Amino acid sequence: MRVTIKDIAAAAGVSVATASLAINDKRGVNPATRARVKAIAQELGYRPNTLARGLVMQHTHVIGILISDITNPHFANIIRGIEDTITPHGYHAIICESHDDNPEIELYALQWLEASRVDGIIVASVSGDPKTHQLLKHLQSNGLPIVLVGRHYIRGEFDTVLVANEESTCTAVAHLIEHGHRRIGIICGPPDVPAAQERLAGYKLALAQNNLPFDERLVRIGHWQVEDGLTCAYSLLREQNPPTAIFAANNMMALGAYKAIRSEKLHIPNHLALAAFDDAVWATAFDPPLTVVAQPSYELGQVGAQQLLSRLPGGKRVDTTEYMCEVLLPQFVVRNSCGCRV
């Protein structure tokens, strides 16, 4: 049975009010009584109910985090960045997953976090569904601070931390073009996700800047998972005029594309070059190692947490209605899968 404040009071022979004052170091308690109550509490293994205390104080010191996919190293690094930033300030995290931006799960998770009385929410999963947008606006208008990490609706509606998706994708695709590739396939994310839209725009921009036509037959859409990368890569390779290079718009789809290419007995990069958005620890274990646009995942979590802390009690931006938008620049990491000798 969990030890309660009533148990402590009974064992110490004092009232519940006195026991509570003693444990919480409040005034009005004899020092000897305070010491005896605390000693009994330690002996019985008493642990205060921080949630109940938070509900009374209207401040739970809990932050909600909603991510898209817990198995993706990108989101794991975002979580690490958030927790390393909020923990020194006395906050803890509740983590929810939307199962690849599933709108129904996303809505349920946000509603559950609100009901759990979290002090704020950091969202790294936004499906693009209008209901999610409306709920986030509703929560924010009711005083719950919201920060979007790596995703956005209309800039200026929420505090956001973004990645330069378009520019970085353009750099990577242009690099493939420099290697002589003229038919470059792209495996992109869902069109209703802003990050996917921006990465596809970067792909198109690189083609335009190099006077190459955009060919819809070289575009495949997935849902960010390994299976999508596998299926989309197979589809591209079976085109009548297949691409000589593929750019995968995230690390999981890159892994699927790699599996498809190897299963077709094609050599990377001699037969087909491969590059991707996102880095991961296993990217260097590819044969050859994978050329990537490395998102600053940990820093995304850090900056998002800093923005949220500035909205919480004691922060500098508690009452302002001006929203921040910080854009972080990924690093283009050249390895061997694009054809470079490094």
Protein backbone atom coordinates (compact mmCIF):
# COMPACT_ATOMS: atom_id res chain seq x y z
CA MET A 1 0.00 0.00 0.00
CA ARG A 2 1.20 3.52 -0.78
CA VAL A 3 2.11 5.47 2.33
CA THR A 4 -0.02 8.61 2.74
CA ILE A 5 0.32 11.76 4.79
CA LYS A 6 -2.34 10.34 7.13
CA ASP A 7 -0.10 7.34 7.84
CA ILE A 8 2.78 9.66 8.70
CA ALA A 9 0.59 11.74 11.00
CA ALA A 10 -0.73 8.65 12.80
CA ALA A 11 2.75 7.22 13.32
CA ALA A 12 4.09 10.55 14.60
CA GLY A 13 1.08 11.22 16.83
CA VAL A 14 0.33 14.58 15.21
CA SER A 15 -2.48 15.99 13.09
CA VAL A 16 -2.51 15.62 9.29
CA ALA A 17 -2.11 19.40 9.01
CA THR A 18 0.99 19.36 11.22
CA ALA A 19 2.49 16.44 9.32
CA SER A 20 1.91 18.24 6.02
CA LEU A 21 3.50 21.46 7.31
CA ALA A 22 6.52 19.52 8.60
CA ILE A 23 7.14 17.55 5.40
CA ASN A 24 6.77 20.67 3.23
CA ASP A 25 9.04 22.76 5.49
CA LYS A 26 6.29 25.26 6.30
CA ARG A 27 6.26 27.54 9.31
CA GLY A 28 4.37 26.81 12.51
CA VAL A 29 5.96 23.47 13.43
CA ASN A 30 8.30 22.84 16.35
CA PRO A 31 11.79 21.89 15.02
CA ALA A 32 11.83 18.69 17.06
CA THR A 33 8.39 17.72 15.72
CA ARG A 34 9.48 18.54 12.17
CA ALA A 35 12.54 16.30 12.52
CA ARG A 36 10.50 13.42 14.00
CA VAL A 37 7.86 13.62 11.24
CA LYS A 38 10.51 13.66 8.51
CA ALA A 39 12.35 10.72 10.06
CA ILE A 40 9.13 8.68 10.20
CA ALA A 41 8.30 9.63 6.59
CA GLN A 42 11.71 8.40 5.46
CA GLU A 43 11.43 5.21 7.50
CA LEU A 44 8.00 4.40 6.00
CA GLY A 45 9.16 5.21 2.46
CA TYR A 46 6.79 8.11 1.94
CA ARG A 47 6.80 9.70 -1.51
CA PRO A 48 4.77 12.88 -2.11
CA ASN A 49 2.09 12.79 -4.81
CA THR A 50 3.61 15.38 -7.13
CA LEU A 51 0.69 15.19 -9.57
CA ALA A 52 -1.89 15.93 -6.87
CA ARG A 53 0.28 18.73 -5.53
CA GLY A 54 0.66 20.15 -9.04
CA LEU A 55 -3.09 20.09 -9.63
CA VAL A 56 -3.63 22.06 -6.42
CA MET A 57 -0.92 24.57 -7.38
CA GLN A 58 -2.11 24.73 -11.05
CA HIS A 59 1.47 23.93 -12.10
CA THR A 60 2.41 20.26 -12.61
CA HIS A 61 6.01 20.69 -13.84
CA VAL A 62 5.20 18.20 -16.59
CA ILE A 63 5.71 18.86 -20.30
CA GLY A 64 3.83 16.91 -22.97
CA ILE A 65 5.77 15.77 -26.05
CA LEU A 66 3.98 14.50 -29.15
CA ILE A 67 6.17 12.86 -31.79
CA SER A 68 5.47 11.03 -35.01
CA ASP A 69 7.47 7.81 -34.64
CA ILE A 70 9.32 6.63 -31.52
CA THR A 71 11.36 4.13 -33.58
CA ASN A 72 12.89 6.87 -35.74
CA PRO A 73 16.28 8.05 -34.36
CA HIS A 74 15.45 11.61 -35.47
CA PHE A 75 12.60 11.84 -32.96
CA ALA A 76 14.56 10.04 -30.25
CA ASN A 77 17.23 12.74 -30.53
CA ILE A 78 14.59 15.48 -30.37
CA ILE A 79 13.28 13.96 -27.13
CA ARG A 80 16.80 13.82 -25.70
CA GLY A 81 17.34 17.49 -26.53
CA ILE A 82 14.03 18.44 -24.87
CA GLU A 83 14.62 16.42 -21.70
CA ASP A 84 18.21 17.63 -21.27
CA THR A 85 16.89 21.20 -21.46
CA ILE A 86 13.81 20.99 -19.22
CA THR A 87 15.19 18.70 -16.48
CA PRO A 88 17.51 21.31 -14.89
CA HIS A 89 14.45 23.56 -14.57
CA GLY A 90 12.53 20.93 -12.59
CA TYR A 91 10.31 19.70 -15.41
CA HIS A 92 9.61 16.17 -16.56
CA ALA A 93 8.13 14.82 -19.79
CA ILE A 94 5.20 12.69 -20.89
CA ILE A 95 5.80 11.30 -24.39
CA CYS A 96 3.04 10.39 -26.84
CA GLU A 97 3.35 8.99 -30.36
CA SER A 98 0.97 9.68 -33.25
CA HIS A 99 1.96 6.57 -35.27
CA ASP A 100 3.26 8.46 -38.33
CA ASP A 101 0.99 11.48 -38.01
CA ASN A 102 -2.25 9.51 -37.78
CA PRO A 103 -4.83 12.30 -37.33
CA GLU A 104 -7.12 10.34 -34.98
CA ILE A 105 -4.27 9.27 -32.71
CA GLU A 106 -2.80 12.75 -32.86
CA LEU A 107 -6.07 14.32 -31.69
CA TYR A 108 -6.52 11.75 -28.92
CA ALA A 109 -2.95 12.30 -27.69
CA LEU A 110 -3.36 16.08 -27.55
CA GLN A 111 -6.67 15.77 -25.71
CA TRP A 112 -5.12 13.31 -23.25
CA LEU A 113 -2.16 15.62 -22.59
CA GLU A 114 -4.55 18.50 -21.92
CA ALA A 115 -6.56 16.34 -19.52
CA SER A 116 -3.32 15.38 -17.77
CA ARG A 117 -2.83 19.08 -16.95
CA VAL A 118 0.61 19.38 -18.54
CA ASP A 119 2.16 22.83 -18.33
CA GLY A 120 2.88 22.97 -22.06
CA ILE A 121 3.17 20.80 -25.18
CA ILE A 122 5.97 20.38 -27.70
CA VAL A 123 4.63 18.93 -30.93
CA ALA A 124 6.91 17.16 -33.41
CA SER A 125 3.99 15.49 -35.14
CA VAL A 126 1.50 17.50 -37.17
CA SER A 127 -0.53 15.51 -39.68
CA GLY A 128 -1.85 18.54 -41.54
CA ASP A 129 -5.39 17.58 -40.57
CA PRO A 130 -7.59 20.69 -40.00
CA LYS A 131 -8.96 19.23 -36.75
CA THR A 132 -5.45 19.04 -35.31
CA HIS A 133 -4.86 22.65 -36.31
CA GLN A 134 -8.12 23.75 -34.67
CA LEU A 135 -7.37 21.84 -31.47
CA LEU A 136 -3.87 23.29 -31.17
CA LYS A 137 -5.27 26.79 -31.65
CA HIS A 138 -7.96 26.07 -29.04
CA LEU A 139 -5.44 24.79 -26.49
CA GLN A 140 -3.19 27.77 -27.02
CA SER A 141 -6.05 30.27 -26.75
CA ASN A 142 -6.96 28.67 -23.41
CA GLY A 143 -3.51 29.41 -22.04
CA LEU A 144 -1.63 26.18 -22.79
CA PRO A 145 1.75 27.02 -24.40
CA ILE A 146 2.39 25.14 -27.67
CA VAL A 147 5.66 24.81 -29.59
CA LEU A 148 5.90 23.10 -32.97
CA VAL A 149 9.22 21.41 -33.73
CA GLY A 150 10.12 20.61 -37.33
CA ARG A 151 6.51 21.14 -38.44
CA HIS A 152 4.29 24.16 -38.91
CA TYR A 153 0.91 25.36 -40.14
CA ILE A 154 0.89 29.09 -40.87
CA ARG A 155 3.99 30.79 -39.59
CA GLY A 156 3.16 33.27 -36.86
CA GLU A 157 0.41 31.13 -35.29
CA PHE A 158 2.66 29.19 -32.90
CA ASP A 159 6.19 29.26 -31.59
CA THR A 160 8.10 27.05 -34.02
CA VAL A 161 11.53 25.57 -34.65
CA LEU A 162 12.02 24.60 -38.26
CA VAL A 163 14.68 23.11 -40.50
CA ALA A 164 15.73 24.63 -43.82
CA ASN A 165 14.17 21.74 -45.73
CA GLU A 166 13.99 23.29 -49.19
CA GLU A 167 17.49 24.75 -49.28
CA SER A 168 19.10 21.59 -47.86
CA THR A 169 17.30 19.27 -50.26
CA CYS A 170 18.27 21.51 -53.15
CA THR A 171 21.94 21.25 -52.09
CA ALA A 172 21.82 17.45 -51.95
CA VAL A 173 20.03 17.01 -55.30
CA ALA A 174 22.34 19.54 -56.96
CA HIS A 175 25.26 17.47 -55.70
CA LEU A 176 23.85 14.41 -57.46
CA ILE A 177 23.46 16.49 -60.63
CA GLU A 178 27.12 17.52 -60.35
CA HIS A 179 27.95 13.81 -60.49
CA GLY A 180 26.30 13.68 -63.91
CA HIS A 181 22.88 12.37 -62.94
CA ARG A 182 20.02 13.67 -65.07
CA ARG A 183 17.25 11.32 -63.99
CA ILE A 184 16.98 11.56 -60.21
CA GLY A 185 14.12 9.88 -58.42
CA ILE A 186 12.73 11.18 -55.14
CA ILE A 187 10.88 9.24 -52.44
CA CYS A 188 8.99 11.92 -50.53
CA GLY A 189 6.54 12.14 -47.64
CA PRO A 190 2.79 12.85 -47.67
CA PRO A 191 1.85 16.02 -49.57
CA ASP A 192 -0.18 17.43 -46.63
CA VAL A 193 2.94 17.54 -44.41
CA PRO A 194 4.81 20.86 -44.78
CA ALA A 195 8.25 19.25 -44.40
CA ALA A 196 7.47 16.92 -47.32
CA GLN A 197 6.21 19.83 -49.41
CA GLU A 198 9.41 21.76 -48.76
CA ARG A 199 11.70 18.85 -49.56
CA LEU A 200 9.88 18.22 -52.82
CA ALA A 201 10.16 21.95 -53.59
CA GLY A 202 13.91 21.73 -52.97
CA TYR A 203 14.16 18.82 -55.39
CA LYS A 204 12.30 20.80 -58.05
CA LEU A 205 14.45 23.87 -57.41
CA ALA A 206 17.67 21.92 -57.96
CA LEU A 207 16.34 20.62 -61.27
CA ALA A 208 15.26 24.09 -62.39
CA GLN A 209 18.57 25.67 -61.43
CA ASN A 210 20.35 23.10 -63.60
CA ASN A 211 17.91 23.37 -66.53
CA LEU A 212 16.55 19.86 -66.03
CA PRO A 213 12.85 19.08 -66.54
CA PHE A 214 10.65 17.94 -63.67
CA ASP A 215 9.26 14.47 -64.41
CA GLU A 216 6.39 13.27 -62.20
CA ARG A 217 7.24 9.69 -63.14
CA LEU A 218 10.34 10.03 -60.95
CA VAL A 219 8.35 11.02 -57.84
CA ARG A 220 7.05 8.51 -55.32
CA ILE A 221 5.11 9.29 -52.14
CA GLY A 222 5.45 7.31 -48.92
CA HIS A 223 4.60 7.73 -45.25
CA TRP A 224 8.14 8.00 -43.86
CA GLN A 225 8.55 4.29 -43.06
CA VAL A 226 11.05 1.63 -44.19
CA GLU A 227 8.33 -0.30 -46.04
CA ASP A 228 7.44 2.84 -48.02
CA GLY A 229 11.04 3.33 -49.06
CA LEU A 230 11.26 -0.30 -50.14
CA THR A 231 8.04 -0.20 -52.19
CA CYS A 232 8.77 3.19 -53.75
CA ALA A 233 12.32 2.26 -54.70
CA TYR A 234 11.15 -0.95 -56.36
CA SER A 235 8.59 1.08 -58.30
CA LEU A 236 11.22 3.58 -59.48
CA LEU A 237 13.64 0.85 -60.51
CA ARG A 238 10.95 -0.80 -62.62
CA GLU A 239 10.25 2.35 -64.63
CA GLN A 240 10.86 1.94 -68.36
CA ASN A 241 13.53 4.62 -68.04
CA PRO A 242 14.63 4.25 -64.40
CA PRO A 243 16.56 6.89 -62.46
CA THR A 244 20.32 6.74 -62.03
CA ALA A 245 20.08 8.28 -58.55
CA ILE A 246 17.49 8.35 -55.76
CA PHE A 247 16.98 10.90 -53.02
CA ALA A 248 14.96 9.64 -50.04
CA ALA A 249 13.25 12.34 -47.99
CA ASN A 250 13.92 10.75 -44.59
CA ASN A 251 16.19 8.15 -43.00
CA MET A 252 13.61 5.37 -42.66
CA MET A 253 12.63 5.49 -46.34
CA ALA A 254 16.34 5.63 -47.22
CA LEU A 255 16.82 2.36 -45.38
CA GLY A 256 13.98 0.81 -47.37
CA ALA A 257 15.41 2.14 -50.62
CA TYR A 258 18.81 0.71 -49.74
CA LYS A 259 17.27 -2.71 -49.16
CA ALA A 260 15.47 -2.58 -52.51
CA ILE A 261 18.61 -1.57 -54.40
CA ARG A 262 20.69 -4.30 -52.81
CA SER A 263 18.02 -6.92 -53.43
CA GLU A 264 18.10 -5.99 -57.12
CA LYS A 265 21.87 -6.71 -57.11
CA LEU A 266 22.65 -3.12 -58.06
CA HIS A 267 25.90 -1.54 -56.93
CA ILE A 268 25.83 1.79 -55.09
CA PRO A 269 26.97 4.17 -56.56
CA ASN A 270 28.19 2.53 -59.80
CA HIS A 271 24.70 1.48 -60.91
CA LEU A 272 22.63 3.83 -58.78
CA ALA A 273 23.55 6.70 -56.46
CA LEU A 274 21.65 7.15 -53.19
CA ALA A 275 21.32 10.14 -50.84
CA ALA A 276 18.86 11.00 -48.10
CA PHE A 277 17.44 13.58 -45.74
CA ASP A 278 18.29 12.68 -42.10
CA ASP A 279 21.34 11.03 -40.66
CA ALA A 280 21.37 8.02 -38.36
CA VAL A 281 24.00 5.94 -36.61
CA TRP A 282 23.47 3.14 -39.11
CA ALA A 283 24.00 5.42 -42.14
CA THR A 284 27.77 4.91 -41.86
CA ALA A 285 27.23 1.14 -41.73
CA PHE A 286 25.77 1.18 -45.25
CA ASP A 287 28.04 -0.21 -47.95
CA PRO A 288 29.01 2.34 -49.08
CA PRO A 289 28.25 4.88 -46.30
CA LEU A 290 25.26 7.08 -47.03
CA THR A 291 25.47 10.72 -48.15
CA VAL A 292 22.92 12.67 -46.11
CA VAL A 293 21.36 15.96 -45.14
CA ALA A 294 21.93 15.68 -41.38
CA GLN A 295 19.16 17.37 -39.43
CA PRO A 296 20.21 19.01 -36.13
CA SER A 297 17.72 16.78 -34.30
CA TYR A 298 19.09 17.27 -30.79
CA GLU A 299 19.27 21.05 -31.31
CA LEU A 300 15.66 21.07 -32.56
CA GLY A 301 14.63 19.60 -29.21
CA GLN A 302 16.82 22.03 -27.29
CA VAL A 303 15.53 25.14 -29.02
CA GLY A 304 11.91 23.97 -28.85
CA ALA A 305 12.27 23.37 -25.11
CA GLN A 306 13.87 26.78 -24.62
CA GLN A 307 10.98 28.43 -26.44
CA LEU A 308 8.48 26.59 -24.25
CA LEU A 309 10.32 27.44 -21.02
CA SER A 310 10.14 31.11 -21.99
CA ARG A 311 6.32 30.76 -21.99
CA LEU A 312 6.11 29.10 -18.57
CA PRO A 313 6.04 30.81 -15.14
CA GLY A 314 9.29 32.69 -14.66
CA GLY A 315 9.91 32.88 -18.42
CA LYS A 316 10.42 36.13 -20.32
CA ARG A 317 7.60 35.65 -22.85
CA VAL A 318 4.66 34.54 -20.71
CA ASP A 319 2.31 37.33 -21.76
CA THR A 320 3.42 38.14 -25.31
CA THR A 321 1.34 37.18 -28.33
CA GLU A 322 4.31 37.48 -30.71
CA TYR A 323 5.44 34.04 -31.79
CA MET A 324 9.00 32.98 -32.46
CA CYS A 325 10.15 31.10 -35.55
CA GLU A 326 13.72 29.82 -35.53
CA VAL A 327 15.11 28.03 -38.57
CA LEU A 328 18.06 25.67 -38.13
CA LEU A 329 20.36 24.74 -41.01
CA PRO A 330 21.16 21.05 -41.52
CA GLN A 331 24.64 19.88 -42.45
CA PHE A 332 25.25 18.26 -45.82
CA VAL A 333 27.46 15.24 -45.11
CA VAL A 334 29.16 13.76 -48.16
CA ARG A 335 30.05 10.08 -47.97
CA ASN A 336 30.45 7.45 -50.70
CA SER A 337 26.90 6.54 -51.76
CA CYS A 338 26.69 9.58 -54.07
CA GLY A 339 29.87 8.62 -55.93
CA CYS A 340 32.36 10.74 -54.02
CA ARG A 341 35.61 9.25 -52.77
CA VAL A 342 35.93 10.47 -49.20
